[in-house]
Amino acid sequence: MALEVPTRRVGSGERAVEIIDVIGRLDTPGGAHLRSVVQNILKEGSPRIAVNLTKCVEIHRETTGSIHSLARACKRAGGGLVIFGASGDVHAYIKRFVDPNMAPWYEGENEAIRALGGEPLPEKADKQNADLPVVVALGTDRVFRKLFWKLGKLGGKPLAKFDDIESGLDLMTRRNVHSVIIDSFLNTHDVAKLLRRIKTSSGLRDIGIIVVGPPSMKNVGRALINDGATYFVPYVFKGEEIVANLEAREFFNRLKEVYERFEASRTS
């Protein structure tokens, strides 16, 4: 099961709490992914972080060391890191290896938010939040990873990232999906098969399908549009890397324009 770590914010201003919903395994690569997400949130100036382990199915010993160091980083930034929602073997592991003085753990989300000094959502609103639309990103190419792997939201919607198509499709059948972003370097046959499955599913056929890649993959993008994709958005490509933050911003501006057109088409 591929790891997903969508993030969401509860509250605003200095009392805002960032929730990280861990879905999958916190093994060695999963722990590194969680560390990257927390560090990115801290860079954005949000030091109050709650890690939701309700849907975490496995946790490894080395991840607990990462949790301790991330908790220290949050405290240095004037906030804190807490854990909530763990159950079964994951809960037993947390109780055994995670120092509650370093990273306290709680049963429920509202309890965790209050511990960080935040203001929980009303229960009804909290339940509705679970049904908010999500953006799914699929890709294995290192350029795709550089663009998306540290990004928690897109267009104000949580971003769930996968490195294999089947795991992404599994989430798409279980969640309210707004759109899917597909790396053009994925196997074209597998992507075309995915598009056919999306277009024949009553719950998915109206989502936006955005293919991204370098200008040299424009013909692949056009072919996938013929198979059902909505747009192809090129990113600035030099050699095999995006070499400057300016180029990444240019790409995200293009993507934002496409999202605005897609939203306009849905409401017209």
Protein backbone atom coordinates (compact mmCIF):
# COMPACT_ATOMS: atom_id res chain seq x y z
CA MET A 1 0.00 0.00 0.00
CA ALA A 2 1.58 3.27 -1.14
CA LEU A 3 1.83 6.02 1.44
CA GLU A 4 -0.43 9.05 1.20
CA VAL A 5 0.07 12.12 3.39
CA PRO A 6 -2.52 14.75 2.41
CA THR A 7 -2.53 17.79 4.69
CA ARG A 8 -5.28 20.14 5.82
CA ARG A 9 -5.50 23.18 8.07
CA VAL A 10 -7.87 23.66 11.01
CA GLY A 11 -8.28 27.24 12.18
CA SER A 12 -6.40 30.33 11.08
CA GLY A 13 -3.73 32.74 12.21
CA GLU A 14 -1.38 31.85 15.04
CA ARG A 15 -3.76 29.17 16.38
CA ALA A 16 -3.95 27.27 13.09
CA VAL A 17 -3.12 23.55 13.29
CA GLU A 18 -1.86 21.56 10.30
CA ILE A 19 -3.28 18.03 10.16
CA ILE A 20 -1.27 15.36 8.32
CA ASP A 21 -3.44 12.36 7.43
CA VAL A 22 -1.10 9.36 7.18
CA ILE A 23 -2.61 6.65 4.97
CA GLY A 24 -0.49 3.55 4.49
CA ARG A 25 2.86 2.39 5.93
CA LEU A 26 5.37 4.47 7.83
CA ASP A 27 8.31 2.30 6.85
CA THR A 28 11.74 3.75 5.99
CA PRO A 29 10.69 5.57 2.79
CA GLY A 30 7.36 6.48 4.39
CA GLY A 31 9.15 8.01 7.36
CA ALA A 32 11.36 10.03 5.01
CA HIS A 33 8.25 11.22 3.18
CA LEU A 34 6.61 12.28 6.46
CA ARG A 35 9.77 14.14 7.47
CA SER A 36 9.78 16.01 4.15
CA VAL A 37 6.14 17.03 4.56
CA VAL A 38 6.63 18.28 8.13
CA GLN A 39 9.77 20.21 7.18
CA ASN A 40 7.91 21.85 4.32
CA ILE A 41 5.04 22.86 6.65
CA LEU A 42 7.57 24.38 9.07
CA LYS A 43 9.17 26.35 6.23
CA GLU A 44 5.75 27.81 5.49
CA GLY A 45 5.56 29.06 9.09
CA SER A 46 3.09 26.58 10.63
CA PRO A 47 4.71 25.00 13.73
CA ARG A 48 1.58 23.36 15.21
CA ILE A 49 1.28 19.93 13.60
CA ALA A 50 -0.98 16.94 14.40
CA VAL A 51 -0.21 13.60 12.75
CA ASN A 52 -3.34 11.51 12.15
CA LEU A 53 -2.57 7.77 12.29
CA THR A 54 -6.17 6.57 11.98
CA LYS A 55 -5.39 4.96 8.61
CA CYS A 56 -1.75 4.11 9.27
CA VAL A 57 -1.42 0.33 8.88
CA GLU A 58 2.23 -0.13 9.93
CA ILE A 59 5.02 1.85 11.60
CA HIS A 60 8.73 1.02 11.80
CA ARG A 61 11.16 1.72 14.64
CA GLU A 62 13.26 4.24 12.70
CA THR A 63 10.16 6.35 12.08
CA THR A 64 9.75 6.95 15.81
CA GLY A 65 13.20 8.56 15.85
CA SER A 66 12.08 10.85 13.05
CA ILE A 67 8.94 11.77 15.02
CA HIS A 68 11.07 12.79 18.01
CA SER A 69 13.39 14.97 15.92
CA LEU A 70 10.45 16.56 14.09
CA ALA A 71 8.75 17.27 17.42
CA ARG A 72 11.90 19.06 18.59
CA ALA A 73 11.94 21.11 15.39
CA CYS A 74 8.30 22.11 15.94
CA LYS A 75 9.03 23.16 19.54
CA ARG A 76 12.02 25.24 18.40
CA ALA A 77 9.68 26.99 15.96
CA GLY A 78 7.28 27.86 18.80
CA GLY A 79 4.74 25.09 18.31
CA GLY A 80 4.61 21.36 18.81
CA LEU A 81 3.88 17.99 17.22
CA VAL A 82 1.25 15.56 18.50
CA ILE A 83 -0.09 12.20 17.33
CA PHE A 84 -3.67 10.95 17.33
CA GLY A 85 -5.91 8.19 16.02
CA ALA A 86 -3.49 5.24 16.26
CA SER A 87 -5.06 1.84 16.87
CA GLY A 88 -4.10 -1.84 17.06
CA ASP A 89 -0.43 -2.67 16.52
CA VAL A 90 0.34 0.92 15.51
CA HIS A 91 -1.06 2.22 18.82
CA ALA A 92 0.92 -0.41 20.76
CA TYR A 93 4.08 0.61 18.94
CA ILE A 94 3.48 4.31 19.61
CA LYS A 95 2.94 3.60 23.32
CA ARG A 96 6.15 1.61 23.49
CA PHE A 97 8.56 3.75 21.48
CA VAL A 98 7.25 7.34 21.25
CA ASP A 99 8.01 9.56 24.24
CA PRO A 100 4.72 11.33 25.16
CA ASN A 101 6.73 14.17 26.68
CA MET A 102 8.31 14.73 23.29
CA ALA A 103 5.37 13.98 20.97
CA PRO A 104 2.14 13.51 22.98
CA TRP A 105 -0.45 11.11 21.59
CA TYR A 106 -4.24 11.35 21.83
CA GLU A 107 -7.28 9.37 20.80
CA GLY A 108 -9.20 11.92 18.74
CA GLU A 109 -8.56 14.84 16.41
CA ASN A 110 -10.28 17.51 18.48
CA GLU A 111 -8.34 16.48 21.59
CA ALA A 112 -5.08 16.77 19.64
CA ILE A 113 -6.01 20.18 18.23
CA ARG A 114 -6.88 21.53 21.67
CA ALA A 115 -3.55 20.27 23.03
CA LEU A 116 -1.80 22.43 20.44
CA GLY A 117 -3.84 25.47 21.40
CA GLY A 118 -6.04 25.30 18.31
CA GLU A 119 -9.79 25.61 17.86
CA PRO A 120 -11.39 22.33 16.71
CA LEU A 121 -14.07 22.27 14.06
CA PRO A 122 -17.61 21.46 15.23
CA GLU A 123 -18.22 17.72 14.96
CA LYS A 124 -20.55 18.13 11.97
CA ALA A 125 -18.10 20.32 10.09
CA ASP A 126 -15.27 17.93 10.91
CA LYS A 127 -17.22 15.07 9.34
CA GLN A 128 -17.95 17.15 6.25
CA ASN A 129 -14.24 17.92 5.95
CA ALA A 130 -13.53 14.24 5.28
CA ASP A 131 -15.70 14.49 2.16
CA LEU A 132 -13.91 17.49 0.68
CA PRO A 133 -12.53 16.95 -2.84
CA VAL A 134 -8.94 15.80 -3.29
CA VAL A 135 -6.48 16.11 -6.18
CA VAL A 136 -4.63 12.90 -7.11
CA ALA A 137 -1.12 13.11 -8.60
CA LEU A 138 0.46 10.09 -10.33
CA GLY A 139 4.09 9.95 -11.34
CA THR A 140 7.49 8.33 -10.85
CA ASP A 141 9.78 10.57 -12.85
CA ARG A 142 12.25 12.58 -10.75
CA VAL A 143 11.10 15.87 -12.30
CA PHE A 144 7.54 15.06 -11.31
CA ARG A 145 8.72 14.26 -7.80
CA LYS A 146 10.61 17.53 -7.60
CA LEU A 147 7.49 19.45 -8.63
CA PHE A 148 4.87 17.70 -6.52
CA TRP A 149 6.28 15.55 -3.72
CA LYS A 150 6.64 18.42 -1.23
CA LEU A 151 3.37 20.06 -2.26
CA GLY A 152 0.50 19.41 0.16
CA LYS A 153 -2.31 21.26 -1.62
CA LEU A 154 -3.23 22.36 -5.12
CA GLY A 155 -5.95 24.90 -5.79
CA GLY A 156 -6.78 24.80 -2.08
CA LYS A 157 -7.48 21.06 -2.25
CA PRO A 158 -5.43 18.30 -0.54
CA LEU A 159 -2.98 16.60 -2.89
CA ALA A 160 -2.63 12.80 -2.64
CA LYS A 161 0.53 11.58 -4.40
CA PHE A 162 1.26 8.08 -5.73
CA ASP A 163 4.08 6.38 -7.58
CA ASP A 164 1.87 3.65 -9.02
CA ILE A 165 -1.40 3.85 -10.93
CA GLU A 166 -3.33 1.10 -9.12
CA SER A 167 -2.88 2.69 -5.69
CA GLY A 168 -4.01 6.03 -7.09
CA LEU A 169 -7.06 4.43 -8.69
CA ASP A 170 -7.93 2.69 -5.43
CA LEU A 171 -8.10 6.05 -3.64
CA MET A 172 -10.09 7.54 -6.52
CA THR A 173 -12.79 4.91 -6.05
CA ARG A 174 -13.01 5.69 -2.29
CA ARG A 175 -12.75 9.48 -2.13
CA ASN A 176 -14.37 12.57 -3.61
CA VAL A 177 -11.84 13.31 -6.38
CA HIS A 178 -11.74 16.71 -8.05
CA SER A 179 -9.05 15.94 -10.63
CA VAL A 180 -6.03 13.79 -11.40
CA ILE A 181 -2.59 14.92 -12.58
CA ILE A 182 -0.65 12.35 -14.60
CA ASP A 183 3.06 12.39 -15.42
CA SER A 184 3.55 11.83 -19.16
CA PHE A 185 6.60 9.63 -18.44
CA LEU A 186 4.36 6.91 -16.97
CA ASN A 187 3.76 3.95 -19.25
CA THR A 188 1.45 5.26 -21.99
CA HIS A 189 -0.46 1.98 -22.30
CA ASP A 190 -1.13 1.89 -18.54
CA VAL A 191 -2.22 5.54 -18.54
CA ALA A 192 -4.58 4.98 -21.48
CA LYS A 193 -6.06 2.01 -19.61
CA LEU A 194 -6.54 4.22 -16.53
CA LEU A 195 -8.29 6.88 -18.60
CA ARG A 196 -10.71 4.31 -19.99
CA ARG A 197 -11.51 3.11 -16.46
CA ILE A 198 -12.11 6.69 -15.33
CA LYS A 199 -14.37 7.50 -18.25
CA THR A 200 -16.46 4.36 -17.74
CA SER A 201 -16.93 4.95 -14.00
CA SER A 202 -20.06 6.94 -13.13
CA GLY A 203 -18.35 8.44 -10.09
CA LEU A 204 -15.21 9.57 -11.92
CA ARG A 205 -16.12 10.43 -15.49
CA ASP A 206 -16.58 14.15 -14.74
CA ILE A 207 -13.24 14.75 -13.00
CA GLY A 208 -10.49 16.79 -14.64
CA ILE A 209 -7.60 14.79 -16.13
CA ILE A 210 -4.43 16.84 -16.57
CA VAL A 211 -1.33 15.37 -18.19
CA VAL A 212 1.96 17.14 -17.42
CA GLY A 213 5.38 16.76 -18.97
CA PRO A 214 8.13 18.49 -20.93
CA PRO A 215 7.32 20.10 -24.29
CA SER A 216 9.01 17.14 -25.98
CA MET A 217 6.15 14.93 -24.70
CA LYS A 218 3.45 17.09 -26.25
CA ASN A 219 2.51 14.42 -28.79
CA VAL A 220 2.03 11.92 -25.96
CA GLY A 221 -0.17 14.48 -24.22
CA ARG A 222 -2.27 14.94 -27.36
CA ALA A 223 -2.68 11.18 -27.74
CA LEU A 224 -3.85 10.91 -24.13
CA ILE A 225 -6.32 13.76 -24.70
CA ASN A 226 -7.76 11.64 -27.52
CA ASP A 227 -8.10 8.84 -24.95
CA GLY A 228 -10.03 11.08 -22.57
CA ALA A 229 -7.58 13.43 -20.82
CA THR A 230 -8.74 17.05 -20.47
CA TYR A 231 -5.51 19.06 -20.84
CA PHE A 232 -1.77 18.76 -21.42
CA VAL A 233 0.32 21.23 -19.41
CA PRO A 234 4.03 21.44 -20.34
CA TYR A 235 6.64 22.30 -17.76
CA VAL A 236 9.88 24.10 -18.48
CA PHE A 237 12.44 21.44 -19.22
CA LYS A 238 16.22 21.72 -19.51
CA GLY A 239 18.06 18.46 -19.80
CA GLU A 240 16.50 16.32 -17.10
CA GLU A 241 15.93 18.86 -14.34
CA ILE A 242 13.93 21.95 -13.60
CA VAL A 243 16.94 24.12 -12.86
CA ALA A 244 15.38 27.12 -11.13
CA ASN A 245 12.52 27.95 -8.80
CA LEU A 246 11.41 30.51 -11.38
CA GLU A 247 10.75 27.71 -13.87
CA ALA A 248 8.72 25.78 -11.29
CA ARG A 249 6.63 28.90 -10.58
CA GLU A 250 6.02 29.36 -14.31
CA PHE A 251 4.77 25.79 -14.55
CA PHE A 252 2.45 26.17 -11.56
CA ASN A 253 1.06 29.40 -13.06
CA ARG A 254 0.23 27.45 -16.22
CA LEU A 255 -1.37 24.72 -14.14
CA LYS A 256 -3.40 27.30 -12.19
CA GLU A 257 -4.74 28.76 -15.46
CA VAL A 258 -5.81 25.29 -16.61
CA TYR A 259 -7.56 24.65 -13.28
CA GLU A 260 -9.44 27.93 -13.60
CA ARG A 261 -10.61 26.95 -17.10
CA PHE A 262 -11.68 23.54 -15.84
CA GLU A 263 -13.62 25.07 -12.92
CA ALA A 264 -15.30 27.53 -15.30
CA SER A 265 -16.35 24.68 -17.60
CA ARG A 266 -17.89 22.78 -14.66
CA THR A 267 -20.03 25.73 -13.59
CA SER A 268 -21.10 26.88 -17.06
